[in-house]
PDB file of all heavy atoms in Angstrom:
ATOM      1  N   ILE A   1     -26.117   1.276  -3.008  1.00  0.00           N
ATOM      2  CA  ILE A   1     -25.274   1.020  -4.186  1.00  0.00           C
ATOM      3  C   ILE A   1     -24.044   1.881  -4.226  1.00  0.00           C
ATOM      4  O   ILE A   1     -22.974   1.462  -4.589  1.00  0.00           O
ATOM      5  CB  ILE A   1     -26.137   1.184  -5.449  1.00  0.00           C
ATOM      6  CG1 ILE A   1     -27.336   0.206  -5.504  1.00  0.00           C
ATOM      7  CG2 ILE A   1     -25.282   1.060  -6.713  1.00  0.00           C
ATOM      8  CD1 ILE A   1     -26.890  -1.242  -5.544  1.00  0.00           C
ATOM      9  N   ARG A   2     -24.225   3.158  -3.830  1.00  0.00           N
ATOM     10  CA  ARG A   2     -23.102   4.072  -3.778  1.00  0.00           C
ATOM     11  C   ARG A   2     -22.031   3.554  -2.825  1.00  0.00           C
ATOM     12  O   ARG A   2     -20.809   3.547  -3.176  1.00  0.00           O
ATOM     13  CB  ARG A   2     -23.543   5.473  -3.385  1.00  0.00           C
ATOM     14  CG  ARG A   2     -22.436   6.497  -3.298  1.00  0.00           C
ATOM     15  CD  ARG A   2     -22.887   7.680  -2.431  1.00  0.00           C
ATOM     16  NE  ARG A   2     -23.219   7.272  -1.088  1.00  0.00           N
ATOM     17  CZ  ARG A   2     -23.780   8.100  -0.217  1.00  0.00           C
ATOM     18  NH1 ARG A   2     -24.089   9.356  -0.523  1.00  0.00           N
ATOM     19  NH2 ARG A   2     -24.025   7.691   1.045  1.00  0.00           N
ATOM     20  N   ASN A   3     -22.431   3.200  -1.647  1.00  0.00           N
ATOM     21  CA  ASN A   3     -21.473   2.713  -0.617  1.00  0.00           C
ATOM     22  C   ASN A   3     -20.786   1.419  -1.167  1.00  0.00           C
ATOM     23  O   ASN A   3     -19.575   1.194  -0.960  1.00  0.00           O
ATOM     24  CB  ASN A   3     -22.174   2.414   0.657  1.00  0.00           C
ATOM     25  CG  ASN A   3     -22.771   3.657   1.317  1.00  0.00           C
ATOM     26  OD1 ASN A   3     -22.282   4.801   1.019  1.00  0.00           O
ATOM     27  ND2 ASN A   3     -23.739   3.565   2.129  1.00  0.00           N
ATOM     28  N   LEU A   4     -21.565   0.569  -1.830  1.00  0.00           N
ATOM     29  CA  LEU A   4     -21.005  -0.660  -2.400  1.00  0.00           C
ATOM     30  C   LEU A   4     -19.996  -0.296  -3.479  1.00  0.00           C
ATOM     31  O   LEU A   4     -18.901  -0.945  -3.543  1.00  0.00           O
ATOM     32  CB  LEU A   4     -22.105  -1.535  -2.971  1.00  0.00           C
ATOM     33  CG  LEU A   4     -21.656  -2.888  -3.548  1.00  0.00           C
ATOM     34  CD1 LEU A   4     -21.020  -3.761  -2.452  1.00  0.00           C
ATOM     35  CD2 LEU A   4     -22.882  -3.610  -4.153  1.00  0.00           C
ATOM     36  N   CYS A   5     -20.262   0.651  -4.275  1.00  0.00           N
ATOM     37  CA  CYS A   5     -19.313   1.097  -5.322  1.00  0.00           C
ATOM     38  C   CYS A   5     -18.008   1.643  -4.674  1.00  0.00           C
ATOM     39  O   CYS A   5     -16.923   1.339  -5.212  1.00  0.00           O
ATOM     40  CB  CYS A   5     -19.914   2.175  -6.225  1.00  0.00           C
ATOM     41  SG  CYS A   5     -21.265   1.533  -7.315  1.00  0.00           S
ATOM     42  N   VAL A   6     -18.198   2.399  -3.625  1.00  0.00           N
ATOM     43  CA  VAL A   6     -16.994   2.915  -2.909  1.00  0.00           C
ATOM     44  C   VAL A   6     -16.159   1.782  -2.380  1.00  0.00           C
ATOM     45  O   VAL A   6     -14.916   1.791  -2.470  1.00  0.00           O
ATOM     46  CB  VAL A   6     -17.413   3.937  -1.843  1.00  0.00           C
ATOM     47  CG1 VAL A   6     -16.223   4.304  -0.999  1.00  0.00           C
ATOM     48  CG2 VAL A   6     -18.059   5.157  -2.431  1.00  0.00           C
ATOM     49  N   LEU A   7     -16.799   0.768  -1.782  1.00  0.00           N
ATOM     50  CA  LEU A   7     -16.067  -0.359  -1.237  1.00  0.00           C
ATOM     51  C   LEU A   7     -15.345  -1.123  -2.356  1.00  0.00           C
ATOM     52  O   LEU A   7     -14.181  -1.528  -2.181  1.00  0.00           O
ATOM     53  CB  LEU A   7     -17.034  -1.245  -0.488  1.00  0.00           C
ATOM     54  CG  LEU A   7     -17.570  -0.733   0.839  1.00  0.00           C
ATOM     55  CD1 LEU A   7     -18.589  -1.765   1.412  1.00  0.00           C
ATOM     56  CD2 LEU A   7     -16.463  -0.509   1.847  1.00  0.00           C
ATOM     57  N   VAL A   8     -16.039  -1.277  -3.434  1.00  0.00           N
ATOM     58  CA  VAL A   8     -15.407  -1.975  -4.594  1.00  0.00           C
ATOM     59  C   VAL A   8     -14.222  -1.165  -5.119  1.00  0.00           C
ATOM     60  O   VAL A   8     -13.165  -1.722  -5.452  1.00  0.00           O
ATOM     61  CB  VAL A   8     -16.469  -2.207  -5.725  1.00  0.00           C
ATOM     62  CG1 VAL A   8     -15.799  -2.695  -6.981  1.00  0.00           C
ATOM     63  CG2 VAL A   8     -17.478  -3.201  -5.258  1.00  0.00           C
ATOM     64  N   LEU A   9     -14.366   0.152  -5.135  1.00  0.00           N
ATOM     65  CA  LEU A   9     -13.291   1.019  -5.612  1.00  0.00           C
ATOM     66  C   LEU A   9     -12.116   0.938  -4.676  1.00  0.00           C
ATOM     67  O   LEU A   9     -10.970   0.825  -5.105  1.00  0.00           O
ATOM     68  CB  LEU A   9     -13.793   2.442  -5.702  1.00  0.00           C
ATOM     69  CG  LEU A   9     -12.778   3.489  -6.217  1.00  0.00           C
ATOM     70  CD1 LEU A   9     -12.278   3.131  -7.618  1.00  0.00           C
ATOM     71  CD2 LEU A   9     -13.354   4.866  -6.218  1.00  0.00           C
ATOM     72  N   ILE A  10     -12.377   0.958  -3.387  1.00  0.00           N
ATOM     73  CA  ILE A  10     -11.274   0.852  -2.427  1.00  0.00           C
ATOM     74  C   ILE A  10     -10.561  -0.510  -2.553  1.00  0.00           C
ATOM     75  O   ILE A  10      -9.319  -0.602  -2.567  1.00  0.00           O
ATOM     76  CB  ILE A  10     -11.790   1.038  -0.972  1.00  0.00           C
ATOM     77  CG1 ILE A  10     -12.260   2.457  -0.780  1.00  0.00           C
ATOM     78  CG2 ILE A  10     -10.699   0.718   0.026  1.00  0.00           C
ATOM     79  CD1 ILE A  10     -12.953   2.710   0.556  1.00  0.00           C
ATOM     80  N   GLY A  11     -11.348  -1.599  -2.705  1.00  0.00           N
ATOM     81  CA  GLY A  11     -10.752  -2.887  -2.921  1.00  0.00           C
ATOM     82  C   GLY A  11      -9.940  -2.923  -4.214  1.00  0.00           C
ATOM     83  O   GLY A  11      -8.845  -3.552  -4.248  1.00  0.00           O
ATOM     84  N   THR A  12     -10.433  -2.271  -5.283  1.00  0.00           N
ATOM     85  CA  THR A  12      -9.715  -2.265  -6.517  1.00  0.00           C
ATOM     86  C   THR A  12      -8.432  -1.484  -6.390  1.00  0.00           C
ATOM     87  O   THR A  12      -7.353  -1.891  -6.955  1.00  0.00           O
ATOM     88  CB  THR A  12     -10.579  -1.615  -7.626  1.00  0.00           C
ATOM     89  OG1 THR A  12     -11.817  -2.335  -7.712  1.00  0.00           O
ATOM     90  CG2 THR A  12      -9.889  -1.579  -8.987  1.00  0.00           C
ATOM     91  N   VAL A  13      -8.437  -0.391  -5.672  1.00  0.00           N
ATOM     92  CA  VAL A  13      -7.249   0.434  -5.422  1.00  0.00           C
ATOM     93  C   VAL A  13      -6.163  -0.398  -4.719  1.00  0.00           C
ATOM     94  O   VAL A  13      -4.971  -0.405  -5.103  1.00  0.00           O
ATOM     95  CB  VAL A  13      -7.589   1.720  -4.663  1.00  0.00           C
ATOM     96  CG1 VAL A  13      -6.310   2.404  -4.197  1.00  0.00           C
ATOM     97  CG2 VAL A  13      -8.390   2.663  -5.532  1.00  0.00           C
ATOM     98  N   ILE A  14      -6.596  -1.089  -3.669  1.00  0.00           N
ATOM     99  CA  ILE A  14      -5.624  -1.907  -2.898  1.00  0.00           C
ATOM    100  C   ILE A  14      -5.073  -3.017  -3.774  1.00  0.00           C
ATOM    101  O   ILE A  14      -3.851  -3.286  -3.787  1.00  0.00           O
ATOM    102  CB  ILE A  14      -6.316  -2.510  -1.652  1.00  0.00           C
ATOM    103  CG1 ILE A  14      -6.700  -1.356  -0.669  1.00  0.00           C
ATOM    104  CG2 ILE A  14      -5.433  -3.455  -0.958  1.00  0.00           C
ATOM    105  CD1 ILE A  14      -7.523  -1.807   0.504  1.00  0.00           C
ATOM    106  N   ALA A  15      -5.971  -3.674  -4.544  1.00  0.00           N
ATOM    107  CA  ALA A  15      -5.522  -4.755  -5.411  1.00  0.00           C
ATOM    108  C   ALA A  15      -4.584  -4.230  -6.490  1.00  0.00           C
ATOM    109  O   ALA A  15      -3.543  -4.875  -6.817  1.00  0.00           O
ATOM    110  CB  ALA A  15      -6.706  -5.435  -6.047  1.00  0.00           C
ATOM    111  N   CYS A  16      -4.885  -3.067  -7.060  1.00  0.00           N
ATOM    112  CA  CYS A  16      -4.044  -2.449  -8.063  1.00  0.00           C
ATOM    113  C   CYS A  16      -2.683  -2.105  -7.491  1.00  0.00           C
ATOM    114  O   CYS A  16      -1.652  -2.306  -8.172  1.00  0.00           O
ATOM    115  CB  CYS A  16      -4.680  -1.192  -8.660  1.00  0.00           C
ATOM    116  SG  CYS A  16      -6.149  -1.555  -9.691  1.00  0.00           S
ATOM    117  N   PHE A  17      -2.649  -1.563  -6.274  1.00  0.00           N
ATOM    118  CA  PHE A  17      -1.404  -1.171  -5.674  1.00  0.00           C
ATOM    119  C   PHE A  17      -0.513  -2.383  -5.426  1.00  0.00           C
ATOM    120  O   PHE A  17       0.675  -2.417  -5.744  1.00  0.00           O
ATOM    121  CB  PHE A  17      -1.654  -0.441  -4.358  1.00  0.00           C
ATOM    122  CG  PHE A  17      -0.399  -0.076  -3.649  1.00  0.00           C
ATOM    123  CD1 PHE A  17       0.358   1.013  -4.056  1.00  0.00           C
ATOM    124  CD2 PHE A  17       0.057  -0.806  -2.560  1.00  0.00           C
ATOM    125  CE1 PHE A  17       1.532   1.366  -3.398  1.00  0.00           C
ATOM    126  CE2 PHE A  17       1.221  -0.482  -1.892  1.00  0.00           C
ATOM    127  CZ  PHE A  17       1.939   0.616  -2.312  1.00  0.00           C
ATOM    128  N   ILE A  18      -1.144  -3.488  -4.878  1.00  0.00           N
ATOM    129  CA  ILE A  18      -0.397  -4.713  -4.611  1.00  0.00           C
ATOM    130  C   ILE A  18       0.130  -5.292  -5.903  1.00  0.00           C
ATOM    131  O   ILE A  18       1.313  -5.695  -5.997  1.00  0.00           O
ATOM    132  CB  ILE A  18      -1.246  -5.723  -3.870  1.00  0.00           C
ATOM    133  CG1 ILE A  18      -1.620  -5.199  -2.452  1.00  0.00           C
ATOM    134  CG2 ILE A  18      -0.556  -7.075  -3.726  1.00  0.00           C
ATOM    135  CD1 ILE A  18      -2.612  -6.019  -1.718  1.00  0.00           C
ATOM    136  N   LEU A  19      -0.720  -5.350  -6.937  1.00  0.00           N
ATOM    137  CA  LEU A  19      -0.304  -5.919  -8.208  1.00  0.00           C
ATOM    138  C   LEU A  19       0.814  -5.111  -8.825  1.00  0.00           C
ATOM    139  O   LEU A  19       1.832  -5.660  -9.324  1.00  0.00           O
ATOM    140  CB  LEU A  19      -1.525  -5.982  -9.140  1.00  0.00           C
ATOM    141  CG  LEU A  19      -1.224  -6.490 -10.572  1.00  0.00           C
ATOM    142  CD1 LEU A  19      -0.841  -7.981 -10.509  1.00  0.00           C
ATOM    143  CD2 LEU A  19      -2.511  -6.373 -11.453  1.00  0.00           C
ATOM    144  N   SER A  20       0.618  -3.795  -8.888  1.00  0.00           N
ATOM    145  CA  SER A  20       1.659  -2.929  -9.481  1.00  0.00           C
ATOM    146  C   SER A  20       2.975  -3.020  -8.704  1.00  0.00           C
ATOM    147  O   SER A  20       4.067  -2.989  -9.297  1.00  0.00           O
ATOM    148  CB  SER A  20       1.165  -1.512  -9.558  1.00  0.00           C
ATOM    149  OG  SER A  20       0.994  -0.945  -8.274  1.00  0.00           O
ATOM    150  N   TYR A  21       2.873  -3.160  -7.422  1.00  0.00           N
ATOM    151  CA  TYR A  21       4.078  -3.232  -6.568  1.00  0.00           C
ATOM    152  C   TYR A  21       4.911  -4.497  -6.960  1.00  0.00           C
ATOM    153  O   TYR A  21       6.110  -4.396  -7.207  1.00  0.00           O
ATOM    154  CB  TYR A  21       3.752  -3.221  -5.095  1.00  0.00           C
ATOM    155  CG  TYR A  21       4.928  -3.449  -4.203  1.00  0.00           C
ATOM    156  CD1 TYR A  21       5.813  -2.393  -3.855  1.00  0.00           C
ATOM    157  CD2 TYR A  21       5.238  -4.728  -3.680  1.00  0.00           C
ATOM    158  CE1 TYR A  21       6.913  -2.541  -3.073  1.00  0.00           C
ATOM    159  CE2 TYR A  21       6.357  -4.913  -2.895  1.00  0.00           C
ATOM    160  CZ  TYR A  21       7.168  -3.853  -2.579  1.00  0.00           C
ATOM    161  OH  TYR A  21       8.255  -4.057  -1.777  1.00  0.00           O
ATOM    162  N   TYR A  22       4.228  -5.641  -6.975  1.00  0.00           N
ATOM    163  CA  TYR A  22       4.940  -6.881  -7.186  1.00  0.00           C
ATOM    164  C   TYR A  22       5.404  -6.998  -8.649  1.00  0.00           C
ATOM    165  O   TYR A  22       6.511  -7.478  -8.906  1.00  0.00           O
ATOM    166  CB  TYR A  22       4.069  -8.111  -6.868  1.00  0.00           C
ATOM    167  CG  TYR A  22       4.041  -8.318  -5.342  1.00  0.00           C
ATOM    168  CD1 TYR A  22       2.870  -8.062  -4.624  1.00  0.00           C
ATOM    169  CD2 TYR A  22       5.127  -8.861  -4.645  1.00  0.00           C
ATOM    170  CE1 TYR A  22       2.811  -8.268  -3.290  1.00  0.00           C
ATOM    171  CE2 TYR A  22       5.078  -9.064  -3.300  1.00  0.00           C
ATOM    172  CZ  TYR A  22       3.958  -8.761  -2.605  1.00  0.00           C
ATOM    173  OH  TYR A  22       3.874  -8.971  -1.235  1.00  0.00           O
ATOM    174  N   VAL A  23       4.595  -6.519  -9.601  1.00  0.00           N
ATOM    175  CA  VAL A  23       5.031  -6.586 -11.016  1.00  0.00           C
ATOM    176  C   VAL A  23       6.281  -5.689 -11.196  1.00  0.00           C
ATOM    177  O   VAL A  23       7.238  -6.044 -11.856  1.00  0.00           O
ATOM    178  CB  VAL A  23       3.917  -6.147 -11.943  1.00  0.00           C
ATOM    179  CG1 VAL A  23       4.392  -5.975 -13.362  1.00  0.00           C
ATOM    180  CG2 VAL A  23       2.785  -7.214 -11.917  1.00  0.00           C
ATOM    181  N   THR A  24       6.209  -4.438 -10.628  1.00  0.00           N
ATOM    182  CA  THR A  24       7.321  -3.529 -10.791  1.00  0.00           C
ATOM    183  C   THR A  24       8.535  -4.050 -10.032  1.00  0.00           C
ATOM    184  O   THR A  24       9.666  -3.952 -10.557  1.00  0.00           O
ATOM    185  CB  THR A  24       6.926  -2.174 -10.231  1.00  0.00           C
ATOM    186  OG1 THR A  24       5.727  -1.704 -10.878  1.00  0.00           O
ATOM    187  CG2 THR A  24       8.009  -1.126 -10.492  1.00  0.00           C
ATOM    188  N   PHE A  25       8.325  -4.577  -8.885  1.00  0.00           N
ATOM    189  CA  PHE A  25       9.441  -5.105  -8.065  1.00  0.00           C
ATOM    190  C   PHE A  25      10.099  -6.290  -8.815  1.00  0.00           C
ATOM    191  O   PHE A  25      11.355  -6.441  -8.754  1.00  0.00           O
ATOM    192  CB  PHE A  25       8.957  -5.578  -6.715  1.00  0.00           C
ATOM    193  CG  PHE A  25      10.045  -5.942  -5.760  1.00  0.00           C
ATOM    194  CD1 PHE A  25      10.821  -4.991  -5.115  1.00  0.00           C
ATOM    195  CD2 PHE A  25      10.364  -7.313  -5.533  1.00  0.00           C
ATOM    196  CE1 PHE A  25      11.815  -5.363  -4.267  1.00  0.00           C
ATOM    197  CE2 PHE A  25      11.376  -7.655  -4.678  1.00  0.00           C
ATOM    198  CZ  PHE A  25      12.158  -6.689  -4.068  1.00  0.00           C
ATOM    199  N   SER A  26       9.319  -7.128  -9.517  1.00  0.00           N
ATOM    200  CA  SER A  26       9.882  -8.243 -10.252  1.00  0.00           C
ATOM    201  C   SER A  26      10.730  -7.789 -11.403  1.00  0.00           C
ATOM    202  O   SER A  26      11.548  -8.600 -11.927  1.00  0.00           O
ATOM    203  CB  SER A  26       8.723  -9.127 -10.792  1.00  0.00           C
ATOM    204  OG  SER A  26       7.992  -8.490 -11.776  1.00  0.00           O
ATOM    205  N   ILE A  27      10.614  -6.552 -11.828  1.00  0.00           N
ATOM    206  CA  ILE A  27      11.458  -5.990 -12.907  1.00  0.00           C
ATOM    207  C   ILE A  27      12.632  -5.257 -12.327  1.00  0.00           C
ATOM    208  O   ILE A  27      13.776  -5.407 -12.762  1.00  0.00           O
ATOM    209  CB  ILE A  27      10.638  -5.080 -13.827  1.00  0.00           C
ATOM    210  CG1 ILE A  27       9.486  -5.912 -14.487  1.00  0.00           C
ATOM    211  CG2 ILE A  27      11.475  -4.421 -14.867  1.00  0.00           C
ATOM    212  CD1 ILE A  27       8.541  -5.014 -15.281  1.00  0.00           C
ATOM    213  N   SER A  28      12.366  -4.416 -11.362  1.00  0.00           N
ATOM    214  CA  SER A  28      13.403  -3.542 -10.833  1.00  0.00           C
ATOM    215  C   SER A  28      14.451  -4.261  -9.993  1.00  0.00           C
ATOM    216  O   SER A  28      15.641  -3.956 -10.045  1.00  0.00           O
ATOM    217  CB  SER A  28      12.808  -2.374 -10.050  1.00  0.00           C
ATOM    218  OG  SER A  28      12.115  -2.838  -8.917  1.00  0.00           O
ATOM    219  N   ASP A  29      14.014  -5.240  -9.176  1.00  0.00           N
ATOM    220  CA  ASP A  29      14.957  -5.890  -8.257  1.00  0.00           C
ATOM    221  C   ASP A  29      15.978  -6.720  -9.021  1.00  0.00           C
ATOM    222  O   ASP A  29      17.153  -6.595  -8.693  1.00  0.00           O
ATOM    223  CB  ASP A  29      14.156  -6.823  -7.328  1.00  0.00           C
ATOM    224  CG  ASP A  29      15.023  -7.413  -6.226  1.00  0.00           C
ATOM    225  OD1 ASP A  29      15.591  -6.677  -5.446  1.00  0.00           O
ATOM    226  OD2 ASP A  29      15.129  -8.664  -6.204  1.00  0.00           O
ATOM    227  N   PRO A  30      15.642  -7.535 -10.008  1.00  0.00           N
ATOM    228  CA  PRO A  30      16.653  -8.239 -10.803  1.00  0.00           C
ATOM    229  C   PRO A  30      17.663  -7.233 -11.472  1.00  0.00           C
ATOM    230  O   PRO A  30      18.848  -7.539 -11.583  1.00  0.00           O
ATOM    231  CB  PRO A  30      15.902  -9.022 -11.844  1.00  0.00           C
ATOM    232  CG  PRO A  30      14.548  -9.201 -11.223  1.00  0.00           C
ATOM    233  CD  PRO A  30      14.268  -7.997 -10.471  1.00  0.00           C
ATOM    234  N   LEU A  31      17.101  -6.140 -11.978  1.00  0.00           N
ATOM    235  CA  LEU A  31      17.978  -5.148 -12.601  1.00  0.00           C
ATOM    236  C   LEU A  31      18.944  -4.541 -11.561  1.00  0.00           C
ATOM    237  O   LEU A  31      20.164  -4.309 -11.891  1.00  0.00           O
ATOM    238  CB  LEU A  31      17.196  -4.037 -13.249  1.00  0.00           C
ATOM    239  CG  LEU A  31      16.371  -4.412 -14.500  1.00  0.00           C
ATOM    240  CD1 LEU A  31      15.513  -3.241 -14.955  1.00  0.00           C
ATOM    241  CD2 LEU A  31      17.309  -4.860 -15.595  1.00  0.00           C
ATOM    242  N   LYS A  32      18.486  -4.321 -10.362  1.00  0.00           N
ATOM    243  CA  LYS A  32      19.397  -3.842  -9.294  1.00  0.00           C
ATOM    244  C   LYS A  32      20.456  -4.841  -8.970  1.00  0.00           C
ATOM    245  O   LYS A  32      21.643  -4.470  -8.780  1.00  0.00           O
ATOM    246  CB  LYS A  32      18.546  -3.480  -8.049  1.00  0.00           C
ATOM    247  CG  LYS A  32      17.703  -2.289  -8.168  1.00  0.00           C
ATOM    248  CD  LYS A  32      16.895  -2.031  -6.938  1.00  0.00           C
ATOM    249  CE  LYS A  32      16.007  -0.786  -7.018  1.00  0.00           C
ATOM    250  NZ  LYS A  32      15.220  -0.572  -5.786  1.00  0.00           N
ATOM    251  N   LYS A  33      20.078  -6.139  -8.910  1.00  0.00           N
ATOM    252  CA  LYS A  33      21.078  -7.165  -8.587  1.00  0.00           C
ATOM    253  C   LYS A  33      22.125  -7.253  -9.704  1.00  0.00           C
ATOM    254  O   LYS A  33      23.339  -7.383  -9.478  1.00  0.00           O
ATOM    255  CB  LYS A  33      20.382  -8.503  -8.433  1.00  0.00           C
ATOM    256  CG  LYS A  33      19.540  -8.583  -7.141  1.00  0.00           C
ATOM    257  CD  LYS A  33      18.864  -9.936  -6.998  1.00  0.00           C
ATOM    258  CE  LYS A  33      18.054 -10.030  -5.749  1.00  0.00           C
ATOM    259  NZ  LYS A  33      17.372 -11.345  -5.625  1.00  0.00           N
ATOM    260  N   LEU A  34      21.616  -7.207 -10.927  1.00  0.00           N
ATOM    261  CA  LEU A  34      22.535  -7.202 -12.088  1.00  0.00           C
ATOM    262  C   LEU A  34      23.468  -6.028 -12.100  1.00  0.00           C
ATOM    263  O   LEU A  34      24.636  -6.137 -12.408  1.00  0.00           O
ATOM    264  CB  LEU A  34      21.724  -7.277 -13.420  1.00  0.00           C
ATOM    265  CG  LEU A  34      22.531  -7.362 -14.695  1.00  0.00           C
ATOM    266  CD1 LEU A  34      23.434  -8.613 -14.716  1.00  0.00           C
ATOM    267  CD2 LEU A  34      21.596  -7.406 -15.901  1.00  0.00           C
ATOM    268  N   ASN A  35      22.929  -4.896 -11.711  1.00  0.00           N
ATOM    269  CA  ASN A  35      23.737  -3.687 -11.644  1.00  0.00           C
ATOM    270  C   ASN A  35      24.854  -3.800 -10.596  1.00  0.00           C
ATOM    271  O   ASN A  35      26.029  -3.384 -10.788  1.00  0.00           O
ATOM    272  CB  ASN A  35      22.844  -2.476 -11.313  1.00  0.00           C
ATOM    273  CG  ASN A  35      23.628  -1.177 -11.314  1.00  0.00           C
ATOM    274  OD1 ASN A  35      24.393  -0.840 -12.255  1.00  0.00           O
ATOM    275  ND2 ASN A  35      23.413  -0.339 -10.261  1.00  0.00           N
ATOM    276  N   ARG A  36      24.495  -4.401  -9.417  1.00  0.00           N
ATOM    277  CA  ARG A  36      25.523  -4.592  -8.356  1.00  0.00           C
ATOM    278  C   ARG A  36      26.594  -5.556  -8.809  1.00  0.00           C
ATOM    279  O   ARG A  36      27.806  -5.349  -8.552  1.00  0.00           O
ATOM    280  CB  ARG A  36      24.815  -5.142  -7.090  1.00  0.00           C
ATOM    281  CG  ARG A  36      23.977  -4.081  -6.347  1.00  0.00           C
ATOM    282  CD  ARG A  36      23.708  -4.552  -4.958  1.00  0.00           C
ATOM    283  NE  ARG A  36      22.838  -5.726  -4.959  1.00  0.00           N
ATOM    284  CZ  ARG A  36      21.524  -5.657  -4.851  1.00  0.00           C
ATOM    285  NH1 ARG A  36      20.916  -4.466  -4.840  1.00  0.00           N
ATOM    286  NH2 ARG A  36      20.795  -6.764  -4.829  1.00  0.00           N
ATOM    287  N   VAL A  37      26.222  -6.628  -9.522  1.00  0.00           N
ATOM    288  CA  VAL A  37      27.233  -7.579 -10.044  1.00  0.00           C
ATOM    289  C   VAL A  37      28.189  -6.904 -11.051  1.00  0.00           C
ATOM    290  O   VAL A  37      29.373  -7.099 -11.068  1.00  0.00           O
ATOM    291  CB  VAL A  37      26.505  -8.804 -10.649  1.00  0.00           C
ATOM    292  CG1 VAL A  37      27.530  -9.702 -11.357  1.00  0.00           C
ATOM    293  CG2 VAL A  37      25.769  -9.612  -9.607  1.00  0.00           C
TER     294      VAL A  37
END
């Protein structure tokens, strides 16, 4: 069960990183483009 929890935690970390990256990028990238214009 401990090993399974660790695997779930690792999967959650990866999923959280991917989600946070794309959500943040969807906000910051348009602002950067608008700033360049």
